[in-house]
Amino acid sequence: MRSFLESRAIKNTSMNTSDENLKVLAFHEAGHAVVSWSLMIPLKEIRIDPSGGICLHSLSIISSLDPVMMSNSDWVRVEIKAQILLGGEIAERVAEEMAWLTGDDKTAELFRDARETGLESTTSLHDREEFNELIQLCFGNFGTESVNWINKIEAKTESIITDNWEKICAVGNALINKRILSGYEATQIIRES
């Protein structure tokens, strides 16, 4: 049985399973996986299929945190969860930028179109919704304090993605080929790349 957070991580899509769409989905899930791994959160499984993608990891947070009573440990867990949630979205954006830089216009347009159309095929909208719920849980609203925190989290996550781009490519390509990776397989691919 999946926990509440694991269930929420399952993405439903209306996409067809063309190689191009699988590539976007695979790199999205690889972003989540590499961010999880880099923050020392053990991976359980990564999967893509016609219904979407999922990256299961062992981090969980209490859905009834009281921001006033949160300890430093609670804040660290929330920050890690936020970075993992943004990992997929930022991996898609970096994939687009890297493709433009290498002259791969077709791949760059693929990632750009997926982001710009807001299709569920990239699953970013679900992650962003969960991210926004996390912000509301911790800050109550989107004020100056939360905006500064979001900017910090986005910068940290982008740094992890760019510093580990080869690892994301390795996991993404493995997902395209195999469609499912155990936590052990994904971790080995990350370590070896």
N, C-alpha and C. Protein backbone atom coordinates (compact mmCIF):
# COMPACT_ATOMS: atom_id res chain seq x y z
N MET A 1 0.84 -1.18 0.00
CA MET A 1 0.00 0.00 0.00
C MET A 1 0.89 1.24 0.00
N ARG A 2 0.57 2.21 -0.83
CA ARG A 2 1.36 3.43 -0.94
C ARG A 2 0.92 4.43 0.12
N SER A 3 1.89 5.23 0.59
CA SER A 3 1.55 6.31 1.51
C SER A 3 0.84 7.40 0.74
N PHE A 4 0.28 8.35 1.46
CA PHE A 4 -0.42 9.46 0.83
C PHE A 4 0.48 10.20 -0.14
N LEU A 5 1.71 10.52 0.29
CA LEU A 5 2.61 11.28 -0.57
C LEU A 5 3.03 10.47 -1.79
N GLU A 6 3.24 9.16 -1.64
CA GLU A 6 3.59 8.34 -2.78
C GLU A 6 2.43 8.30 -3.77
N SER A 7 1.21 8.19 -3.28
CA SER A 7 0.04 8.16 -4.15
C SER A 7 -0.08 9.46 -4.92
N ARG A 8 0.20 10.55 -4.26
CA ARG A 8 0.11 11.86 -4.93
C ARG A 8 1.17 12.01 -5.99
N ALA A 9 2.28 11.26 -5.85
CA ALA A 9 3.36 11.36 -6.82
C ALA A 9 3.04 10.67 -8.13
N ILE A 10 2.03 9.80 -8.15
CA ILE A 10 1.67 9.13 -9.39
C ILE A 10 1.03 10.15 -10.31
N LYS A 11 1.52 10.20 -11.52
CA LYS A 11 1.05 11.19 -12.46
C LYS A 11 0.15 10.54 -13.50
N ASN A 12 -1.01 11.10 -13.71
CA ASN A 12 -1.88 10.63 -14.78
C ASN A 12 -1.71 11.57 -15.95
N THR A 13 -1.61 11.01 -17.14
CA THR A 13 -1.43 11.84 -18.31
C THR A 13 -2.35 11.38 -19.41
N SER A 14 -2.52 12.25 -20.37
CA SER A 14 -3.29 11.91 -21.55
C SER A 14 -2.37 11.78 -22.75
N MET A 15 -1.09 11.67 -22.52
CA MET A 15 -0.12 11.65 -23.61
C MET A 15 -0.12 10.31 -24.32
N ASN A 16 0.34 10.34 -25.58
CA ASN A 16 0.63 9.06 -26.21
C ASN A 16 2.06 8.72 -25.83
N THR A 17 2.47 7.52 -26.08
CA THR A 17 3.78 7.09 -25.59
C THR A 17 4.83 7.12 -26.70
N SER A 18 4.84 8.19 -27.48
CA SER A 18 5.87 8.32 -28.49
C SER A 18 7.22 8.47 -27.80
N ASP A 19 8.27 8.20 -28.56
CA ASP A 19 9.62 8.32 -28.00
C ASP A 19 9.88 9.72 -27.45
N GLU A 20 9.36 10.74 -28.15
CA GLU A 20 9.60 12.11 -27.72
C GLU A 20 8.93 12.38 -26.36
N ASN A 21 7.69 11.96 -26.23
CA ASN A 21 6.99 12.19 -24.96
C ASN A 21 7.62 11.38 -23.83
N LEU A 22 8.06 10.17 -24.15
CA LEU A 22 8.74 9.37 -23.13
C LEU A 22 10.02 10.04 -22.67
N LYS A 23 10.69 10.70 -23.60
CA LYS A 23 11.94 11.38 -23.24
C LYS A 23 11.67 12.50 -22.24
N VAL A 24 10.64 13.29 -22.48
CA VAL A 24 10.31 14.37 -21.55
C VAL A 24 9.98 13.78 -20.18
N LEU A 25 9.13 12.78 -20.18
CA LEU A 25 8.72 12.15 -18.93
C LEU A 25 9.91 11.51 -18.20
N ALA A 26 10.77 10.83 -18.96
CA ALA A 26 11.94 10.17 -18.35
C ALA A 26 12.89 11.18 -17.72
N PHE A 27 13.15 12.28 -18.40
CA PHE A 27 14.06 13.29 -17.84
C PHE A 27 13.43 13.98 -16.64
N HIS A 28 12.12 14.15 -16.68
CA HIS A 28 11.41 14.73 -15.54
C HIS A 28 11.61 13.84 -14.30
N GLU A 29 11.33 12.55 -14.45
CA GLU A 29 11.48 11.62 -13.31
C GLU A 29 12.94 11.47 -12.90
N ALA A 30 13.85 11.52 -13.88
CA ALA A 30 15.28 11.46 -13.56
C ALA A 30 15.69 12.67 -12.71
N GLY A 31 15.08 13.83 -12.98
CA GLY A 31 15.36 15.02 -12.16
C GLY A 31 14.98 14.79 -10.72
N HIS A 32 13.77 14.24 -10.50
CA HIS A 32 13.36 13.91 -9.13
C HIS A 32 14.35 12.94 -8.48
N ALA A 33 14.73 11.91 -9.23
CA ALA A 33 15.59 10.86 -8.68
C ALA A 33 16.97 11.38 -8.31
N VAL A 34 17.57 12.17 -9.18
CA VAL A 34 18.92 12.65 -8.90
C VAL A 34 18.92 13.67 -7.76
N VAL A 35 17.90 14.50 -7.68
CA VAL A 35 17.80 15.42 -6.55
C VAL A 35 17.63 14.62 -5.26
N SER A 36 16.77 13.61 -5.27
CA SER A 36 16.59 12.76 -4.08
C SER A 36 17.92 12.15 -3.66
N TRP A 37 18.60 11.54 -4.62
CA TRP A 37 19.88 10.89 -4.34
C TRP A 37 20.90 11.90 -3.80
N SER A 38 20.98 13.06 -4.41
CA SER A 38 21.99 14.06 -3.99
C SER A 38 21.71 14.57 -2.58
N LEU A 39 20.46 14.51 -2.15
CA LEU A 39 20.10 14.94 -0.80
C LEU A 39 20.05 13.76 0.18
N MET A 40 20.58 12.62 -0.28
CA MET A 40 20.72 11.40 0.51
C MET A 40 19.38 10.80 0.95
N ILE A 41 18.39 10.92 0.08
CA ILE A 41 17.09 10.29 0.31
C ILE A 41 17.06 9.02 -0.54
N PRO A 42 17.01 7.86 0.09
CA PRO A 42 17.04 6.61 -0.68
C PRO A 42 15.88 6.49 -1.67
N LEU A 43 16.20 6.02 -2.85
CA LEU A 43 15.21 5.80 -3.89
C LEU A 43 14.58 4.42 -3.74
N LYS A 44 13.30 4.32 -4.02
CA LYS A 44 12.60 3.04 -3.99
C LYS A 44 12.35 2.50 -5.40
N GLU A 45 11.87 3.37 -6.29
CA GLU A 45 11.55 2.95 -7.66
C GLU A 45 11.30 4.18 -8.51
N ILE A 46 11.65 4.05 -9.80
CA ILE A 46 11.33 5.09 -10.78
C ILE A 46 10.66 4.36 -11.94
N ARG A 47 9.57 4.94 -12.43
CA ARG A 47 8.82 4.25 -13.48
C ARG A 47 8.18 5.26 -14.41
N ILE A 48 8.14 4.91 -15.70
CA ILE A 48 7.34 5.64 -16.66
C ILE A 48 6.51 4.62 -17.44
N ASP A 49 5.28 5.00 -17.75
CA ASP A 49 4.40 4.14 -18.53
C ASP A 49 3.35 5.03 -19.19
N PRO A 50 2.43 4.45 -19.94
CA PRO A 50 1.44 5.28 -20.64
C PRO A 50 0.61 6.17 -19.72
N SER A 51 0.50 5.82 -18.45
CA SER A 51 -0.28 6.66 -17.54
C SER A 51 0.54 7.75 -16.87
N GLY A 52 1.84 7.78 -17.10
CA GLY A 52 2.68 8.83 -16.54
C GLY A 52 3.95 8.31 -15.93
N GLY A 53 4.40 8.97 -14.89
CA GLY A 53 5.65 8.59 -14.25
C GLY A 53 5.57 8.74 -12.75
N ILE A 54 6.51 8.10 -12.10
CA ILE A 54 6.57 8.17 -10.64
C ILE A 54 8.02 7.96 -10.20
N CYS A 55 8.39 8.69 -9.19
CA CYS A 55 9.68 8.50 -8.54
C CYS A 55 9.39 8.33 -7.06
N LEU A 56 9.50 7.10 -6.60
CA LEU A 56 9.25 6.82 -5.18
C LEU A 56 10.56 6.90 -4.40
N HIS A 57 10.50 7.56 -3.27
CA HIS A 57 11.66 7.68 -2.39
C HIS A 57 11.18 7.50 -0.96
N SER A 58 12.10 7.51 -0.05
CA SER A 58 11.74 7.18 1.34
C SER A 58 11.46 8.39 2.22
N LEU A 59 11.45 9.60 1.67
CA LEU A 59 11.15 10.78 2.48
C LEU A 59 9.65 10.95 2.66
N SER A 60 9.26 11.20 3.87
CA SER A 60 7.86 11.55 4.13
C SER A 60 7.85 12.69 5.13
N ILE A 61 6.82 13.50 5.02
CA ILE A 61 6.64 14.58 5.99
C ILE A 61 5.22 14.52 6.49
N ILE A 62 5.00 15.05 7.66
CA ILE A 62 3.67 15.05 8.26
C ILE A 62 2.84 16.13 7.57
N SER A 63 1.65 15.76 7.14
CA SER A 63 0.82 16.72 6.42
C SER A 63 0.12 17.71 7.34
N SER A 64 0.35 17.62 8.64
CA SER A 64 -0.28 18.55 9.58
C SER A 64 0.77 19.31 10.38
N LEU A 65 1.85 19.69 9.74
CA LEU A 65 2.89 20.46 10.43
C LEU A 65 2.33 21.80 10.89
N ASP A 66 2.73 22.22 12.06
CA ASP A 66 2.37 23.54 12.57
C ASP A 66 3.61 24.42 12.39
N PRO A 67 3.55 25.42 11.49
CA PRO A 67 4.73 26.23 11.21
C PRO A 67 5.34 26.88 12.45
N VAL A 68 4.51 27.21 13.41
CA VAL A 68 5.01 27.84 14.63
C VAL A 68 5.83 26.85 15.47
N MET A 69 5.44 25.59 15.41
CA MET A 69 6.08 24.57 16.25
C MET A 69 7.13 23.74 15.50
N MET A 70 7.41 24.07 14.23
CA MET A 70 8.35 23.27 13.45
C MET A 70 9.77 23.41 13.99
N SER A 71 10.42 22.29 14.13
CA SER A 71 11.82 22.28 14.56
C SER A 71 12.72 22.50 13.35
N ASN A 72 14.01 22.68 13.62
CA ASN A 72 14.97 22.79 12.51
C ASN A 72 14.93 21.53 11.65
N SER A 73 14.78 20.39 12.27
CA SER A 73 14.70 19.12 11.55
C SER A 73 13.48 19.09 10.63
N ASP A 74 12.35 19.61 11.10
CA ASP A 74 11.15 19.68 10.26
C ASP A 74 11.40 20.57 9.05
N TRP A 75 12.02 21.72 9.28
CA TRP A 75 12.30 22.65 8.17
C TRP A 75 13.25 22.02 7.15
N VAL A 76 14.23 21.26 7.61
CA VAL A 76 15.15 20.60 6.69
C VAL A 76 14.38 19.60 5.83
N ARG A 77 13.51 18.83 6.44
CA ARG A 77 12.71 17.84 5.68
C ARG A 77 11.80 18.53 4.66
N VAL A 78 11.20 19.64 5.05
CA VAL A 78 10.34 20.39 4.13
C VAL A 78 11.17 20.92 2.97
N GLU A 79 12.36 21.46 3.26
CA GLU A 79 13.22 21.97 2.20
C GLU A 79 13.63 20.86 1.23
N ILE A 80 13.97 19.71 1.76
CA ILE A 80 14.34 18.57 0.92
C ILE A 80 13.15 18.15 0.05
N LYS A 81 11.98 18.05 0.65
CA LYS A 81 10.78 17.68 -0.11
C LYS A 81 10.52 18.68 -1.22
N ALA A 82 10.67 19.97 -0.93
CA ALA A 82 10.45 21.01 -1.94
C ALA A 82 11.44 20.87 -3.09
N GLN A 83 12.69 20.60 -2.76
CA GLN A 83 13.69 20.44 -3.83
C GLN A 83 13.39 19.22 -4.69
N ILE A 84 12.97 18.13 -4.08
CA ILE A 84 12.62 16.94 -4.86
C ILE A 84 11.44 17.24 -5.77
N LEU A 85 10.43 17.93 -5.25
CA LEU A 85 9.26 18.27 -6.07
C LEU A 85 9.65 19.12 -7.27
N LEU A 86 10.57 20.05 -7.10
CA LEU A 86 10.98 20.92 -8.20
C LEU A 86 11.98 20.26 -9.15
N GLY A 87 12.57 19.15 -8.73
CA GLY A 87 13.59 18.50 -9.53
C GLY A 87 13.15 18.14 -10.93
N GLY A 88 11.93 17.65 -11.08
CA GLY A 88 11.44 17.27 -12.41
C GLY A 88 11.25 18.46 -13.32
N GLU A 89 10.58 19.48 -12.81
CA GLU A 89 10.32 20.70 -13.58
C GLU A 89 11.62 21.37 -14.02
N ILE A 90 12.55 21.48 -13.10
CA ILE A 90 13.81 22.14 -13.42
C ILE A 90 14.64 21.28 -14.38
N ALA A 91 14.58 19.96 -14.25
CA ALA A 91 15.29 19.09 -15.19
C ALA A 91 14.76 19.28 -16.61
N GLU A 92 13.47 19.45 -16.76
CA GLU A 92 12.90 19.72 -18.08
C GLU A 92 13.43 21.02 -18.66
N ARG A 93 13.46 22.06 -17.84
CA ARG A 93 13.94 23.36 -18.30
C ARG A 93 15.42 23.30 -18.68
N VAL A 94 16.21 22.62 -17.86
CA VAL A 94 17.65 22.49 -18.15
C VAL A 94 17.85 21.64 -19.41
N ALA A 95 17.03 20.61 -19.60
CA ALA A 95 17.13 19.78 -20.81
C ALA A 95 16.91 20.63 -22.05
N GLU A 96 15.95 21.51 -21.98
CA GLU A 96 15.70 22.42 -23.11
C GLU A 96 16.92 23.31 -23.36
N GLU A 97 17.46 23.91 -22.29
CA GLU A 97 18.62 24.79 -22.43
C GLU A 97 19.84 24.04 -22.96
N MET A 98 20.09 22.84 -22.45
CA MET A 98 21.24 22.05 -22.90
C MET A 98 21.09 21.67 -24.37
N ALA A 99 19.88 21.33 -24.78
CA ALA A 99 19.64 20.98 -26.18
C ALA A 99 19.91 22.17 -27.09
N TRP A 100 19.46 23.37 -26.68
CA TRP A 100 19.74 24.57 -27.49
C TRP A 100 21.24 24.79 -27.58
N LEU A 101 21.95 24.64 -26.46
CA LEU A 101 23.40 24.87 -26.45
C LEU A 101 24.16 23.90 -27.35
N THR A 102 23.67 22.68 -27.46
CA THR A 102 24.36 21.68 -28.28
C THR A 102 23.85 21.66 -29.72
N GLY A 103 22.92 22.54 -30.04
CA GLY A 103 22.40 22.62 -31.40
C GLY A 103 21.35 21.57 -31.73
N ASP A 104 20.82 20.90 -30.73
CA ASP A 104 19.78 19.89 -30.94
C ASP A 104 18.42 20.59 -30.87
N ASP A 105 18.09 21.28 -31.95
CA ASP A 105 16.87 22.09 -31.98
C ASP A 105 15.61 21.25 -31.79
N LYS A 106 15.59 20.04 -32.34
CA LYS A 106 14.41 19.19 -32.23
C LYS A 106 14.11 18.86 -30.77
N THR A 107 15.13 18.46 -30.01
CA THR A 107 14.93 18.14 -28.60
C THR A 107 14.58 19.38 -27.80
N ALA A 108 15.25 20.50 -28.10
CA ALA A 108 14.96 21.75 -27.39
C ALA A 108 13.50 22.14 -27.60
N GLU A 109 13.01 22.03 -28.83
CA GLU A 109 11.62 22.37 -29.11
C GLU A 109 10.66 21.41 -28.43
N LEU A 110 11.04 20.15 -28.36
CA LEU A 110 10.22 19.16 -27.67
C LEU A 110 10.00 19.56 -26.20
N PHE A 111 11.09 19.87 -25.50
CA PHE A 111 10.97 20.25 -24.08
C PHE A 111 10.28 21.61 -23.93
N ARG A 112 10.57 22.53 -24.84
CA ARG A 112 9.91 23.84 -24.78
C ARG A 112 8.41 23.70 -24.97
N ASP A 113 8.02 22.93 -25.99
CA ASP A 113 6.60 22.75 -26.27
C ASP A 113 5.88 22.07 -25.10
N ALA A 114 6.53 21.09 -24.49
CA ALA A 114 5.93 20.40 -23.35
C ALA A 114 5.70 21.38 -22.20
N ARG A 115 6.67 22.25 -21.95
CA ARG A 115 6.52 23.22 -20.86
C ARG A 115 5.49 24.29 -21.20
N GLU A 116 5.56 24.82 -22.43
CA GLU A 116 4.69 25.94 -22.80
C GLU A 116 3.22 25.55 -22.92
N THR A 117 2.96 24.34 -23.36
CA THR A 117 1.56 23.94 -23.50
C THR A 117 0.95 23.53 -22.18
N GLY A 118 1.80 23.29 -21.17
CA GLY A 118 1.28 22.91 -19.86
C GLY A 118 0.60 21.55 -19.88
N LEU A 119 0.97 20.73 -20.84
CA LEU A 119 0.37 19.40 -20.92
C LEU A 119 0.71 18.60 -19.68
N GLU A 120 -0.20 17.75 -19.29
CA GLU A 120 0.03 16.86 -18.17
C GLU A 120 1.11 15.83 -18.49
N SER A 121 1.53 15.74 -19.75
CA SER A 121 2.53 14.75 -20.11
C SER A 121 3.83 14.97 -19.36
N THR A 122 4.12 16.18 -18.98
CA THR A 122 5.36 16.44 -18.26
C THR A 122 5.18 16.34 -16.75
N THR A 123 3.97 16.28 -16.30
CA THR A 123 3.61 16.12 -14.89
C THR A 123 4.07 17.26 -14.00
N SER A 124 4.59 18.32 -14.56
CA SER A 124 5.04 19.44 -13.74
C SER A 124 3.91 20.08 -12.95
N LEU A 125 2.73 20.12 -13.54
CA LEU A 125 1.62 20.78 -12.86
C LEU A 125 1.28 20.10 -11.54
N HIS A 126 1.30 18.78 -11.50
CA HIS A 126 1.02 18.07 -10.26
C HIS A 126 2.08 18.35 -9.21
N ASP A 127 3.33 18.35 -9.62
CA ASP A 127 4.42 18.63 -8.68
C ASP A 127 4.31 20.06 -8.17
N ARG A 128 4.00 21.01 -9.05
CA ARG A 128 3.88 22.41 -8.66
C ARG A 128 2.71 22.60 -7.70
N GLU A 129 1.61 21.89 -7.93
CA GLU A 129 0.47 21.97 -7.01
C GLU A 129 0.88 21.47 -5.62
N GLU A 130 1.58 20.34 -5.58
CA GLU A 130 2.01 19.80 -4.29
C GLU A 130 3.02 20.75 -3.63
N PHE A 131 3.89 21.36 -4.43
CA PHE A 131 4.84 22.34 -3.92
C PHE A 131 4.09 23.52 -3.31
N ASN A 132 3.09 24.03 -4.01
CA ASN A 132 2.30 25.16 -3.50
C ASN A 132 1.56 24.79 -2.21
N GLU A 133 1.06 23.56 -2.13
CA GLU A 133 0.42 23.10 -0.89
C GLU A 133 1.42 23.08 0.27
N LEU A 134 2.65 22.67 -0.02
CA LEU A 134 3.70 22.65 0.98
C LEU A 134 3.99 24.07 1.48
N ILE A 135 4.03 25.02 0.55
CA ILE A 135 4.27 26.43 0.92
C ILE A 135 3.14 26.93 1.82
N GLN A 136 1.91 26.64 1.43
CA GLN A 136 0.78 27.08 2.25
C GLN A 136 0.80 26.45 3.63
N LEU A 137 1.17 25.18 3.69
CA LEU A 137 1.26 24.48 4.97
C LEU A 137 2.28 25.16 5.88
N CYS A 138 3.41 25.56 5.31
CA CYS A 138 4.51 26.11 6.12
C CYS A 138 4.42 27.61 6.34
N PHE A 139 3.88 28.34 5.36
CA PHE A 139 3.88 29.80 5.46
C PHE A 139 2.49 30.40 5.56
N GLY A 140 1.47 29.64 5.21
CA GLY A 140 0.11 30.15 5.28
C GLY A 140 -0.32 30.92 4.06
N ASN A 141 0.61 31.63 3.43
CA ASN A 141 0.28 32.39 2.22
C ASN A 141 1.57 32.65 1.44
N PHE A 142 1.42 33.35 0.33
CA PHE A 142 2.58 33.65 -0.51
C PHE A 142 2.99 35.10 -0.29
N GLY A 143 3.71 35.34 0.79
CA GLY A 143 4.22 36.68 1.10
C GLY A 143 5.71 36.75 0.84
N THR A 144 6.32 37.82 1.32
CA THR A 144 7.75 38.05 1.10
C THR A 144 8.60 36.91 1.64
N GLU A 145 8.27 36.45 2.83
CA GLU A 145 9.06 35.37 3.43
C GLU A 145 9.02 34.10 2.58
N SER A 146 7.83 33.74 2.12
CA SER A 146 7.71 32.52 1.33
C SER A 146 8.35 32.69 -0.05
N VAL A 147 8.23 33.87 -0.64
CA VAL A 147 8.84 34.11 -1.96
C VAL A 147 10.36 34.00 -1.86
N ASN A 148 10.94 34.57 -0.81
CA ASN A 148 12.40 34.46 -0.62
C ASN A 148 12.80 32.99 -0.43
N TRP A 149 12.01 32.23 0.32
CA TRP A 149 12.30 30.83 0.55
C TRP A 149 12.19 30.04 -0.76
N ILE A 150 11.16 30.31 -1.55
CA ILE A 150 10.98 29.65 -2.85
C ILE A 150 12.17 29.92 -3.76
N ASN A 151 12.60 31.18 -3.83
CA ASN A 151 13.74 31.53 -4.67
C ASN A 151 14.99 30.77 -4.25
N LYS A 152 15.19 30.63 -2.93
CA LYS A 152 16.33 29.89 -2.41
C LYS A 152 16.25 28.42 -2.81
N ILE A 153 15.08 27.83 -2.67
CA ILE A 153 14.87 26.41 -3.00
C ILE A 153 15.07 26.18 -4.49
N GLU A 154 14.53 27.06 -5.32
CA GLU A 154 14.70 26.92 -6.77
C GLU A 154 16.17 27.01 -7.17
N ALA A 155 16.90 27.94 -6.57
CA ALA A 155 18.32 28.08 -6.89
C ALA A 155 19.12 26.85 -6.46
N LYS A 156 18.83 26.33 -5.27
CA LYS A 156 19.52 25.11 -4.81
C LYS A 156 19.22 23.92 -5.72
N THR A 157 17.96 23.80 -6.12
CA THR A 157 17.56 22.67 -6.97
C THR A 157 18.20 22.79 -8.34
N GLU A 158 18.21 23.98 -8.90
CA GLU A 158 18.84 24.17 -10.22
C GLU A 158 20.33 23.84 -10.15
N SER A 159 20.97 24.20 -9.07
CA SER A 159 22.39 23.88 -8.90
C SER A 159 22.61 22.36 -8.87
N ILE A 160 21.75 21.65 -8.15
CA ILE A 160 21.87 20.19 -8.11
C ILE A 160 21.69 19.61 -9.51
N ILE A 161 20.69 20.09 -10.24
CA ILE A 161 20.40 19.58 -11.58
C ILE A 161 21.57 19.85 -12.52
N THR A 162 22.08 21.06 -12.54
CA THR A 162 23.17 21.37 -13.49
C THR A 162 24.47 20.67 -13.09
N ASP A 163 24.75 20.58 -11.80
CA ASP A 163 25.97 19.90 -11.35
C ASP A 163 25.94 18.41 -11.64
N ASN A 164 24.75 17.84 -11.77
CA ASN A 164 24.59 16.39 -11.97
C ASN A 164 23.93 16.05 -13.30
N TRP A 165 24.12 16.90 -14.29
CA TRP A 165 23.42 16.72 -15.56
C TRP A 165 23.73 15.37 -16.21
N GLU A 166 24.96 14.92 -16.17
CA GLU A 166 25.31 13.63 -16.76
C GLU A 166 24.55 12.49 -16.07
N LYS A 167 24.37 12.60 -14.78
CA LYS A 167 23.63 11.58 -14.03
C LYS A 167 22.15 11.57 -14.45
N ILE A 168 21.59 12.75 -14.64
CA ILE A 168 20.20 12.84 -15.08
C ILE A 168 20.04 12.23 -16.47
N CYS A 169 20.98 12.52 -17.36
CA CYS A 169 20.93 11.93 -18.70
C CYS A 169 21.02 10.41 -18.62
N ALA A 170 21.90 9.89 -17.77
CA ALA A 170 22.05 8.44 -17.64
C ALA A 170 20.77 7.78 -17.12
N VAL A 171 20.17 8.37 -16.08
CA VAL A 171 18.93 7.82 -15.53
C VAL A 171 17.79 7.97 -16.54
N GLY A 172 17.70 9.14 -17.17
CA GLY A 172 16.65 9.36 -18.17
C GLY A 172 16.73 8.36 -19.31
N ASN A 173 17.93 8.13 -19.83
CA ASN A 173 18.09 7.18 -20.92
C ASN A 173 17.79 5.75 -20.48
N ALA A 174 18.17 5.41 -19.25
CA ALA A 174 17.86 4.07 -18.73
C ALA A 174 16.35 3.89 -18.60
N LEU A 175 15.66 4.94 -18.16
CA LEU A 175 14.20 4.86 -18.05
C LEU A 175 13.54 4.71 -19.42
N ILE A 176 14.05 5.41 -20.39
CA ILE A 176 13.50 5.29 -21.75
C ILE A 176 13.63 3.85 -22.22
N ASN A 177 14.77 3.23 -21.95
CA ASN A 177 15.03 1.86 -22.40
C ASN A 177 14.29 0.80 -21.58
N LYS A 178 14.25 0.97 -20.27
CA LYS A 178 13.70 -0.08 -19.40
C LYS A 178 12.31 0.22 -18.87
N ARG A 179 11.92 1.48 -18.81
CA ARG A 179 10.62 1.96 -18.30
C ARG A 179 10.47 1.87 -16.79
N ILE A 180 11.24 1.02 -16.14
CA ILE A 180 11.15 0.90 -14.69
C ILE A 180 12.54 0.58 -14.14
N LEU A 181 12.90 1.27 -13.06
CA LEU A 181 14.17 1.04 -12.38
C LEU A 181 13.90 0.88 -10.90
N SER A 182 14.47 -0.14 -10.31
CA SER A 182 14.39 -0.26 -8.86
C SER A 182 15.24 0.86 -8.25
N GLY A 183 15.04 1.10 -6.98
CA GLY A 183 15.86 2.09 -6.30
C GLY A 183 17.34 1.75 -6.39
N TYR A 184 17.64 0.45 -6.25
CA TYR A 184 19.02 -0.01 -6.33
C TYR A 184 19.60 0.26 -7.73
N GLU A 185 18.85 -0.10 -8.78
CA GLU A 185 19.33 0.13 -10.15
C GLU A 185 19.56 1.60 -10.42
N ALA A 186 18.61 2.43 -10.03
CA ALA A 186 18.75 3.87 -10.25
C ALA A 186 19.95 4.43 -9.52
N THR A 187 20.14 4.01 -8.27
CA THR A 187 21.27 4.48 -7.48
C THR A 187 22.59 4.06 -8.12
N GLN A 188 22.66 2.83 -8.62
CA GLN A 188 23.89 2.37 -9.30
C GLN A 188 24.17 3.19 -10.54
N ILE A 189 23.15 3.48 -11.33
CA ILE A 189 23.34 4.29 -12.53
C ILE A 189 23.85 5.68 -12.15
N ILE A 190 23.25 6.27 -11.13
CA ILE A 190 23.67 7.59 -10.68
C ILE A 190 25.13 7.58 -10.22
N ARG A 191 25.49 6.61 -9.42
CA ARG A 191 26.86 6.53 -8.89
C ARG A 191 27.89 6.32 -9.99
N GLU A 192 27.53 5.53 -11.01
CA GLU A 192 28.48 5.18 -12.06
C GLU A 192 28.60 6.23 -13.15
N SER A 193 27.72 7.20 -13.19
CA SER A 193 27.79 8.20 -14.27
C SER A 193 28.44 9.48 -13.81
